[in-house]
C-alpha atoms as a PDB file:
ATOM      1  CA  UNK A   1       8.074  -0.647  20.056  1.00  0.00           C
ATOM      2  CA  UNK A   2       5.736  -3.301  21.321  1.00  0.00           C
ATOM      3  CA  UNK A   3       3.755  -6.270  20.063  1.00  0.00           C
ATOM      4  CA  UNK A   4       0.689  -4.137  19.253  1.00  0.00           C
ATOM      5  CA  UNK A   5       2.723  -1.962  16.869  1.00  0.00           C
ATOM      6  CA  UNK A   6       3.921  -5.025  14.970  1.00  0.00           C
ATOM      7  CA  UNK A   7       0.412  -6.522  14.801  1.00  0.00           C
ATOM      8  CA  UNK A   8      -0.944  -3.217  13.462  1.00  0.00           C
ATOM      9  CA  UNK A   9       1.726  -3.190  10.777  1.00  0.00           C
ATOM     10  CA  UNK A  10       0.807  -6.716   9.706  1.00  0.00           C
ATOM     11  CA  UNK A  11      -2.895  -5.813   9.556  1.00  0.00           C
ATOM     12  CA  UNK A  12      -2.223  -2.729   7.452  1.00  0.00           C
ATOM     13  CA  UNK A  13       0.000  -4.692   5.100  1.00  0.00           C
ATOM     14  CA  UNK A  14      -2.568  -7.353   4.204  1.00  0.00           C
ATOM     15  CA  UNK A  15      -5.427  -4.846   4.049  1.00  0.00           C
ATOM     16  CA  UNK A  16      -3.504  -2.439   1.837  1.00  0.00           C
ATOM     17  CA  UNK A  17      -2.581  -5.242  -0.554  1.00  0.00           C
ATOM     18  CA  UNK A  18      -6.189  -6.457  -0.662  1.00  0.00           C
ATOM     19  CA  UNK A  19      -7.659  -3.025  -1.340  1.00  0.00           C
ATOM     20  CA  UNK A  20      -5.052  -2.244  -3.972  1.00  0.00           C
ATOM     21  CA  UNK A  21      -5.375  -5.602  -5.715  1.00  0.00           C
ATOM     22  CA  UNK A  22      -9.168  -5.517  -5.852  1.00  0.00           C
ATOM     23  CA  UNK A  23      -9.133  -1.893  -7.005  1.00  0.00           C
ATOM     24  CA  UNK A  24      -6.676  -2.462  -9.819  1.00  0.00           C
ATOM     25  CA  UNK A  25      -8.573  -5.586 -10.929  1.00  0.00           C
ATOM     26  CA  UNK A  26     -11.830  -3.662 -11.083  1.00  0.00           C
ATOM     27  CA  UNK A  27     -10.246  -0.818 -13.018  1.00  0.00           C
ATOM     28  CA  UNK A  28      -8.562  -3.052 -15.570  1.00  0.00           C
ATOM     29  CA  UNK A  29     -11.557  -5.320 -16.120  1.00  0.00           C
ATOM     30  CA  UNK A  30     -14.063  -2.502 -16.368  1.00  0.00           C
ATOM     31  CA  UNK A  31     -11.786  -0.464 -18.638  1.00  0.00           C
ATOM     32  CA  UNK A  32     -11.344  -3.438 -20.968  1.00  0.00           C
ATOM     33  CA  UNK A  33     -15.106  -4.007 -21.215  1.00  0.00           C
ATOM     34  CA  UNK A  34     -15.730  -0.283 -21.599  1.00  0.00           C
ATOM     35  CA  UNK A  35     -13.278   0.046 -24.486  1.00  0.00           C
ATOM     36  CA  UNK A  36     -14.629  -3.096 -26.140  1.00  0.00           C
ATOM     37  CA  UNK A  37     -18.212  -1.833 -25.821  1.00  0.00           C
ATOM     38  CA  UNK A  38     -17.247   1.613 -27.095  1.00  0.00           C
ATOM     39  CA  UNK A  39     -16.067   0.197 -30.409  1.00  0.00           C
ATOM     40  CA  UNK A  40     -18.623  -2.601 -30.880  1.00  0.00           C
ATOM     41  CA  UNK A  41     -21.864  -1.260 -29.410  1.00  0.00           C
ATOM     42  CA  UNK A  42     -24.759  -0.476 -31.704  1.00  0.00           C
ATOM     43  CA  UNK A  43     -26.949   0.967 -28.908  1.00  0.00           C
ATOM     44  CA  UNK A  44     -25.571   4.470 -29.191  1.00  0.00           C
ATOM     45  CA  UNK A  45     -22.590   6.256 -27.696  1.00  0.00           C
ATOM     46  CA  UNK A  46     -23.206   5.063 -24.103  1.00  0.00           C
ATOM     47  CA  UNK A  47     -25.217   2.004 -23.151  1.00  0.00           C
ATOM     48  CA  UNK A  48     -26.131   0.559 -19.745  1.00  0.00           C
ATOM     49  CA  UNK A  49     -23.101  -1.725 -19.549  1.00  0.00           C
ATOM     50  CA  UNK A  50     -20.834   1.259 -20.153  1.00  0.00           C
ATOM     51  CA  UNK A  51     -22.481   3.125 -17.270  1.00  0.00           C
ATOM     52  CA  UNK A  52     -21.843   0.129 -15.012  1.00  0.00           C
ATOM     53  CA  UNK A  53     -18.223   0.099 -16.169  1.00  0.00           C
ATOM     54  CA  UNK A  54     -17.816   3.787 -15.300  1.00  0.00           C
ATOM     55  CA  UNK A  55     -19.150   3.026 -11.820  1.00  0.00           C
ATOM     56  CA  UNK A  56     -16.804   0.070 -11.392  1.00  0.00           C
ATOM     57  CA  UNK A  57     -13.841   2.174 -12.493  1.00  0.00           C
ATOM     58  CA  UNK A  58     -14.787   4.774  -9.867  1.00  0.00           C
ATOM     59  CA  UNK A  59     -15.090   2.087  -7.168  1.00  0.00           C
ATOM     60  CA  UNK A  60     -11.781   0.553  -8.265  1.00  0.00           C
ATOM     61  CA  UNK A  61     -10.079   3.942  -8.111  1.00  0.00           C
ATOM     62  CA  UNK A  62     -11.442   4.494  -4.612  1.00  0.00           C
ATOM     63  CA  UNK A  63     -10.238   1.070  -3.414  1.00  0.00           C
ATOM     64  CA  UNK A  64      -6.815   1.634  -4.955  1.00  0.00           C
ATOM     65  CA  UNK A  65      -6.606   5.037  -3.260  1.00  0.00           C
ATOM     66  CA  UNK A  66      -7.565   3.443   0.087  1.00  0.00           C
ATOM     67  CA  UNK A  67      -4.861   0.816  -0.381  1.00  0.00           C
ATOM     68  CA  UNK A  68      -2.286   3.518  -1.107  1.00  0.00           C
ATOM     69  CA  UNK A  69      -3.436   5.496   1.908  1.00  0.00           C
ATOM     70  CA  UNK A  70      -3.082   2.433   4.164  1.00  0.00           C
ATOM     71  CA  UNK A  71       0.358   1.683   2.713  1.00  0.00           C
ATOM     72  CA  UNK A  72       1.471   5.247   3.463  1.00  0.00           C
ATOM     73  CA  UNK A  73       0.147   4.960   7.021  1.00  0.00           C
ATOM     74  CA  UNK A  74       2.078   1.721   7.532  1.00  0.00           C
ATOM     75  CA  UNK A  75       5.181   3.363   6.150  1.00  0.00           C
ATOM     76  CA  UNK A  76       4.864   6.327   8.518  1.00  0.00           C
ATOM     77  CA  UNK A  77       4.475   3.982  11.488  1.00  0.00           C
ATOM     78  CA  UNK A  78       7.616   2.093  10.523  1.00  0.00           C
ATOM     79  CA  UNK A  79       9.528   5.361  10.186  1.00  0.00           C
ATOM     80  CA  UNK A  80       8.200   6.472  13.598  1.00  0.00           C
ATOM     81  CA  UNK A  81       9.398   3.219  15.167  1.00  0.00           C
ATOM     82  CA  UNK A  82      12.845   3.710  13.617  1.00  0.00           C
ATOM     83  CA  UNK A  83      13.013   7.282  14.945  1.00  0.00           C
ATOM     84  CA  UNK A  84      11.983   6.169  18.446  1.00  0.00           C
ATOM     85  CA  UNK A  85      14.399   3.244  18.575  1.00  0.00           C
ATOM     86  CA  UNK A  86      17.326   5.086  16.976  1.00  0.00           C
ATOM     87  CA  UNK A  87      17.996   7.041  20.167  1.00  0.00           C
ATOM     88  CA  UNK A  88      17.900   3.810  22.167  1.00  0.00           C
ATOM     89  CA  UNK A  89      20.262   2.030  19.781  1.00  0.00           C
ATOM     90  CA  UNK A  90      22.735   4.917  19.820  1.00  0.00           C
ATOM     91  CA  UNK A  91      22.681   4.990  23.630  1.00  0.00           C
ATOM     92  CA  UNK A  92      23.205   1.203  23.909  1.00  0.00           C
ATOM     93  CA  UNK A  93      25.980   0.906  21.302  1.00  0.00           C
ATOM     94  CA  UNK A  94      29.323   0.348  23.014  1.00  0.00           C
ATOM     95  CA  UNK A  95      32.085   2.751  22.068  1.00  0.00           C
ATOM     96  CA  UNK A  96      35.487   1.275  21.211  1.00  0.00           C
ATOM     97  CA  UNK A  97      38.268   1.954  23.657  1.00  0.00           C
ATOM     98  CA  UNK A  98      41.703   3.232  22.648  1.00  0.00           C
ATOM     99  CA  UNK A  99      43.508  -0.080  23.368  1.00  0.00           C
ATOM    100  CA  UNK A 100      41.046  -2.470  21.723  1.00  0.00           C
ATOM    101  CA  UNK A 101      41.319  -3.649  18.138  1.00  0.00           C
ATOM    102  CA  UNK A 102      38.222  -5.282  16.665  1.00  0.00           C
ATOM    103  CA  UNK A 103      40.118  -6.720  13.706  1.00  0.00           C
ATOM    104  CA  UNK A 104      42.470  -8.851  15.839  1.00  0.00           C
ATOM    105  CA  UNK A 105      39.658 -10.044  18.100  1.00  0.00           C
END
């Protein structure tokens, strides 16, 4: 594990949160307006604002999916680092000897 791995993890974390937050905000806002327009519109079953809302929901879903994808990539990198360092930690862990007692110090 090196400094570049940690910097990549930090970049993925903030980017994933940004994509996910923007995506969910777009979905919720557009869905609210869409539902409100559906019940109050007198322009027919689908008006122009509803079409824009459908587009924003699609964009929000894409951004949320990208955020999830980045989160999963970060998670896999962390798990890879743990797998790589586990062998090192096991090799460097001192084994207790027969005459030593850790409780009595």
